[in-house]
Amino acid sequence: MATRQNIANLSAAELAAWRQVIARSMALQDNRGYVHFAGMHGLPGQFCQHATLLFLPWHRAYLYMLEMALRDIDNTVALPWWDWTSDDAHANGLPAAYADTTVANPLLAGETGLPQRTLDQIQAQLPDVLDFSVTPPRTVRAPGPPDELPSAATIGSILEASTFEDFSTQIEDQHNLVHGWVGGAMGVVPVAAFDPIFFAHHAMIDRLWYLWQLRNPNSGVGQVALDQALPGTPLNVGQVLDISKLGYDYATKVIAA
């Protein structure tokens, strides 16, 4: 079992290993690499599911695929999550691991790997989402005031939702808020996943779904068919409902009051 941890709780050695596996994945130019998986979400794959009840199942499958690819490089790693409800987040914003400029840090930004014509279109329409002064362009961020991140109280209330439909809708709203708060590439679907913070953010969303599932063990996914395929992945909805069958767990199963 892989245990996903809060990024703030990684030891120095664990953080170094996480940075190294991301750097090695970013260096791969084929379908085993970071750029390939990032491109599945927005451009060029455009497989992501939003504003539907496939939002949570699809992103769980998506994160799982990246995690398996990373574990092929280093089988000791697991996706960490960014707890944007924490006191630290509400004081300092982005987690230090993803914002540190004093070390070689692949978590700061990602290359898009998109064709030049697509990049030209993005530059013309969305000039502030990528740093076009470097080649290839890299993701940028424009975070808002830290205390505008979702609070533990808000998330605690959402975890009390009685139906999957209600929970999914409310948690996706908070998910959208965090994307907008980070800004830059994270603020627009076509390039959001090229920013490494994307996956720490979505690991948090997946964790919250898991916490809701623990409270509602027979909830399922409402009216969604269990054999519904999850686009761009080899999995269907039924195959992602139980994270233990996917081989991972979360280190912390509570939201602070």
Protein backbone atom coordinates (compact mmCIF):
# COMPACT_ATOMS: atom_id res chain seq x y z
CA MET A 1 0.00 0.00 0.00
CA ALA A 2 1.18 3.49 -0.84
CA THR A 3 0.41 6.06 1.86
CA ARG A 4 -0.32 9.56 0.63
CA GLN A 5 0.86 12.17 3.12
CA ASN A 6 0.33 15.85 3.75
CA ILE A 7 3.11 17.61 1.83
CA ALA A 8 3.86 19.63 4.97
CA ASN A 9 4.61 16.44 6.91
CA LEU A 10 7.19 14.95 4.56
CA SER A 11 10.63 14.50 6.04
CA ALA A 12 13.57 16.16 4.30
CA ALA A 13 14.48 12.83 2.71
CA GLU A 14 10.90 12.17 1.59
CA LEU A 15 10.60 15.64 0.06
CA ALA A 16 13.91 15.19 -1.73
CA ALA A 17 12.69 11.87 -3.13
CA TRP A 18 9.42 13.45 -4.24
CA ARG A 19 11.22 16.27 -6.02
CA GLN A 20 13.61 13.84 -7.65
CA VAL A 21 10.87 11.57 -9.00
CA ILE A 22 8.99 14.57 -10.41
CA ALA A 23 12.19 15.84 -12.06
CA ARG A 24 12.89 12.42 -13.55
CA SER A 25 9.32 12.12 -14.79
CA MET A 26 9.47 15.60 -16.34
CA ALA A 27 12.58 14.52 -18.25
CA LEU A 28 10.74 11.65 -19.96
CA GLN A 29 9.48 12.57 -23.42
CA ASP A 30 7.13 9.63 -23.94
CA ASN A 31 3.85 8.38 -22.47
CA ARG A 32 5.53 7.49 -19.19
CA GLY A 33 6.38 11.09 -18.39
CA TYR A 34 4.88 13.99 -16.48
CA VAL A 35 4.14 16.09 -19.56
CA HIS A 36 2.13 13.26 -21.10
CA PHE A 37 -0.04 12.86 -18.02
CA ALA A 38 -0.46 16.61 -17.54
CA GLY A 39 -1.64 16.85 -21.13
CA MET A 40 -4.38 14.30 -20.54
CA HIS A 41 -6.30 16.74 -18.37
CA GLY A 42 -6.45 19.80 -20.61
CA LEU A 43 -4.52 20.27 -23.82
CA PRO A 44 -3.95 18.23 -25.88
CA GLY A 45 -5.99 15.31 -24.46
CA GLN A 46 -8.92 17.21 -22.95
CA PHE A 47 -10.22 14.14 -21.11
CA CYS A 48 -11.02 15.91 -17.84
CA GLN A 49 -14.51 15.77 -16.35
CA HIS A 50 -15.96 18.82 -14.66
CA ALA A 51 -19.47 19.86 -13.63
CA THR A 52 -20.68 16.27 -13.89
CA LEU A 53 -20.88 13.41 -11.40
CA LEU A 54 -17.80 11.93 -13.06
CA PHE A 55 -15.70 14.74 -11.59
CA LEU A 56 -14.53 12.77 -8.53
CA PRO A 57 -14.22 9.30 -10.12
CA TRP A 58 -12.39 10.63 -13.18
CA HIS A 59 -9.84 12.62 -11.22
CA ARG A 60 -9.23 9.67 -8.89
CA ALA A 61 -8.41 7.47 -11.89
CA TYR A 62 -6.26 10.23 -13.36
CA LEU A 63 -4.19 10.69 -10.21
CA TYR A 64 -3.85 6.93 -9.87
CA MET A 65 -2.41 6.65 -13.38
CA LEU A 66 0.21 9.32 -12.68
CA GLU A 67 1.05 7.79 -9.32
CA MET A 68 1.62 4.38 -10.89
CA ALA A 69 3.91 5.94 -13.49
CA LEU A 70 5.87 7.72 -10.78
CA ARG A 71 6.14 4.53 -8.75
CA ASP A 72 7.64 2.84 -11.79
CA ILE A 73 10.48 5.33 -11.35
CA ASP A 74 10.63 5.15 -7.54
CA ASN A 75 8.34 2.67 -5.80
CA THR A 76 8.73 4.42 -2.45
CA VAL A 77 6.80 7.54 -3.42
CA ALA A 78 3.10 8.40 -3.23
CA LEU A 79 1.22 11.55 -4.22
CA PRO A 80 1.25 14.06 -1.36
CA TRP A 81 -1.69 16.35 -0.75
CA TRP A 82 -1.83 20.09 -0.03
CA ASP A 83 -4.12 20.85 2.90
CA TRP A 84 -5.34 24.32 1.97
CA THR A 85 -7.61 24.32 5.05
CA SER A 86 -4.63 24.28 7.43
CA ASP A 87 -3.43 27.13 9.62
CA ASP A 88 -0.19 27.20 7.66
CA ALA A 89 -2.03 27.58 4.34
CA HIS A 90 -4.20 30.37 5.74
CA ALA A 91 -1.10 32.17 6.97
CA ASN A 92 1.35 31.50 4.14
CA GLY A 93 -0.62 30.35 1.11
CA LEU A 94 1.21 27.90 -1.13
CA PRO A 95 3.04 25.07 0.62
CA ALA A 96 6.73 25.77 1.10
CA ALA A 97 7.69 22.62 -0.79
CA TYR A 98 6.10 24.01 -3.96
CA ALA A 99 7.24 27.61 -3.50
CA ASP A 100 10.88 27.27 -2.41
CA THR A 101 13.19 29.12 -4.78
CA THR A 102 16.37 28.51 -2.79
CA VAL A 103 16.87 24.97 -4.12
CA ALA A 104 16.56 23.22 -7.47
CA ASN A 105 12.83 22.73 -7.25
CA PRO A 106 10.82 20.98 -10.00
CA LEU A 107 7.67 21.68 -7.96
CA LEU A 108 7.86 25.39 -8.77
CA ALA A 109 6.64 25.13 -12.37
CA GLY A 110 6.22 22.77 -15.27
CA GLU A 111 6.82 22.87 -19.01
CA THR A 112 3.78 22.41 -21.23
CA GLY A 113 5.29 20.38 -24.06
CA LEU A 114 2.58 21.73 -26.37
CA PRO A 115 3.12 22.39 -30.10
CA GLN A 116 4.14 25.91 -31.06
CA ARG A 117 0.88 26.73 -32.81
CA THR A 118 -1.07 25.88 -29.65
CA LEU A 119 1.35 27.94 -27.55
CA ASP A 120 0.92 30.88 -29.91
CA GLN A 121 -2.85 30.68 -29.46
CA ILE A 122 -2.50 30.55 -25.68
CA GLN A 123 -0.13 33.52 -25.69
CA ALA A 124 -2.58 35.51 -27.79
CA GLN A 125 -5.62 34.67 -25.68
CA LEU A 126 -4.20 33.98 -22.19
CA PRO A 127 -0.80 35.71 -22.00
CA ASP A 128 -0.60 35.57 -18.19
CA VAL A 129 -0.93 31.82 -17.63
CA LEU A 130 2.54 30.84 -18.87
CA ASP A 131 6.00 32.39 -18.79
CA PHE A 132 6.65 32.95 -22.48
CA SER A 133 10.09 34.49 -21.84
CA VAL A 134 11.57 30.99 -21.60
CA THR A 135 11.56 28.12 -24.09
CA PRO A 136 9.54 26.02 -23.74
CA PRO A 137 7.10 28.20 -21.77
CA ARG A 138 6.59 27.30 -18.11
CA THR A 139 3.64 27.61 -15.79
CA VAL A 140 3.26 30.63 -13.52
CA ARG A 141 1.12 31.37 -10.45
CA ALA A 142 -0.60 34.46 -9.10
CA PRO A 143 -1.91 33.40 -5.68
CA GLY A 144 -4.46 35.44 -3.78
CA PRO A 145 -4.57 36.37 -0.08
CA PRO A 146 -4.01 33.18 1.98
CA ASP A 147 -7.10 33.58 4.12
CA GLU A 148 -9.29 33.33 1.02
CA LEU A 149 -8.53 29.61 0.77
CA PRO A 150 -11.35 27.27 1.88
CA SER A 151 -11.59 26.89 5.64
CA ALA A 152 -11.69 23.71 7.69
CA ALA A 153 -15.15 24.73 8.89
CA THR A 154 -16.43 24.99 5.33
CA ILE A 155 -15.03 21.60 4.39
CA GLY A 156 -16.33 20.07 7.60
CA SER A 157 -19.81 21.23 6.67
CA ILE A 158 -19.50 19.79 3.15
CA LEU A 159 -18.43 16.44 4.59
CA GLU A 160 -21.84 16.30 6.25
CA ALA A 161 -23.61 16.18 2.87
CA SER A 162 -26.07 13.30 2.83
CA THR A 163 -25.86 12.37 -0.86
CA PHE A 164 -23.04 11.86 -3.32
CA GLU A 165 -24.59 14.38 -5.69
CA ASP A 166 -24.65 17.07 -3.02
CA PHE A 167 -21.13 16.32 -1.83
CA SER A 168 -19.71 16.23 -5.37
CA THR A 169 -21.27 19.56 -6.31
CA GLN A 170 -20.13 21.34 -3.15
CA ILE A 171 -16.60 19.99 -3.15
CA GLU A 172 -16.16 20.82 -6.83
CA ASP A 173 -17.10 24.41 -6.03
CA GLN A 174 -14.29 24.55 -3.44
CA HIS A 175 -11.96 22.86 -5.93
CA ASN A 176 -12.73 25.60 -8.45
CA LEU A 177 -12.07 28.26 -5.82
CA VAL A 178 -8.57 26.90 -5.14
CA HIS A 179 -7.74 26.74 -8.83
CA GLY A 180 -8.74 30.37 -9.17
CA TRP A 181 -6.87 31.31 -6.00
CA VAL A 182 -3.57 29.86 -7.30
CA GLY A 183 -4.15 31.69 -10.57
CA GLY A 184 -1.86 31.62 -13.58
CA ALA A 185 -1.86 28.24 -15.27
CA MET A 186 -3.95 26.71 -12.50
CA GLY A 187 -6.72 29.17 -13.27
CA VAL A 188 -7.46 27.74 -16.72
CA VAL A 189 -8.29 24.13 -17.58
CA PRO A 190 -6.18 23.82 -20.77
CA VAL A 191 -2.85 24.12 -18.91
CA ALA A 192 -3.70 23.67 -15.22
CA ALA A 193 -2.21 20.18 -14.83
CA PHE A 194 1.20 21.25 -16.10
CA ASP A 195 1.68 23.06 -12.77
CA PRO A 196 2.89 20.47 -10.22
CA ILE A 197 0.68 22.01 -7.50
CA PHE A 198 -2.30 20.69 -9.50
CA PHE A 199 -1.69 17.15 -8.31
CA ALA A 200 -1.22 18.12 -4.65
CA HIS A 201 -4.49 20.06 -4.88
CA HIS A 202 -6.35 17.16 -6.48
CA ALA A 203 -4.90 14.67 -4.00
CA MET A 204 -6.57 16.83 -1.33
CA ILE A 205 -9.87 16.67 -3.23
CA ASP A 206 -9.56 12.90 -3.59
CA ARG A 207 -8.77 12.62 0.11
CA LEU A 208 -11.89 14.58 0.99
CA TRP A 209 -13.99 12.25 -1.14
CA TYR A 210 -12.40 9.33 0.72
CA LEU A 211 -13.23 10.94 4.07
CA TRP A 212 -16.82 11.39 2.90
CA GLN A 213 -16.89 7.76 1.80
CA LEU A 214 -15.75 6.64 5.27
CA ARG A 215 -18.76 8.46 6.71
CA ASN A 216 -21.08 7.09 4.02
CA PRO A 217 -19.80 3.59 3.29
CA ASN A 218 -22.84 2.56 1.23
CA SER A 219 -23.17 5.80 -0.70
CA GLY A 220 -21.84 4.78 -4.09
CA VAL A 221 -22.01 7.48 -6.75
CA GLY A 222 -25.70 8.20 -7.01
CA GLN A 223 -27.18 7.53 -10.43
CA VAL A 224 -23.82 7.08 -12.15
CA ALA A 225 -23.46 3.62 -13.71
CA LEU A 226 -20.61 1.63 -12.17
CA ASP A 227 -19.54 0.40 -15.60
CA GLN A 228 -19.29 3.97 -16.91
CA ALA A 229 -15.90 4.36 -18.57
CA LEU A 230 -13.60 7.13 -17.38
CA PRO A 231 -12.31 8.81 -20.58
CA GLY A 232 -8.63 8.50 -21.30
CA THR A 233 -8.09 5.90 -18.59
CA PRO A 234 -8.45 2.10 -18.59
CA LEU A 235 -10.78 2.26 -15.58
CA ASN A 236 -14.51 2.58 -14.99
CA VAL A 237 -16.38 4.17 -12.10
CA GLY A 238 -16.81 0.96 -10.14
CA GLN A 239 -13.09 0.26 -10.20
CA VAL A 240 -12.18 3.49 -8.41
CA LEU A 241 -14.69 3.51 -5.56
CA ASP A 242 -12.45 1.64 -3.11
CA ILE A 243 -8.99 3.17 -2.80
CA SER A 244 -7.68 0.10 -0.97
CA LYS A 245 -8.23 -1.86 -4.18
CA LEU A 246 -6.17 0.76 -6.01
CA GLY A 247 -3.38 0.19 -3.51
CA TYR A 248 -3.20 3.45 -1.59
CA ASP A 249 -4.38 5.08 1.61
CA TYR A 250 -4.29 8.50 3.25
CA ALA A 251 -2.16 9.16 6.32
CA THR A 252 -4.68 11.48 7.98
CA LYS A 253 -8.40 10.79 8.07
CA VAL A 254 -9.70 13.88 9.86
CA ILE A 255 -10.28 17.54 9.05
CA ALA A 256 -9.23 19.88 11.85
CA ALA A 257 -12.06 21.90 13.39
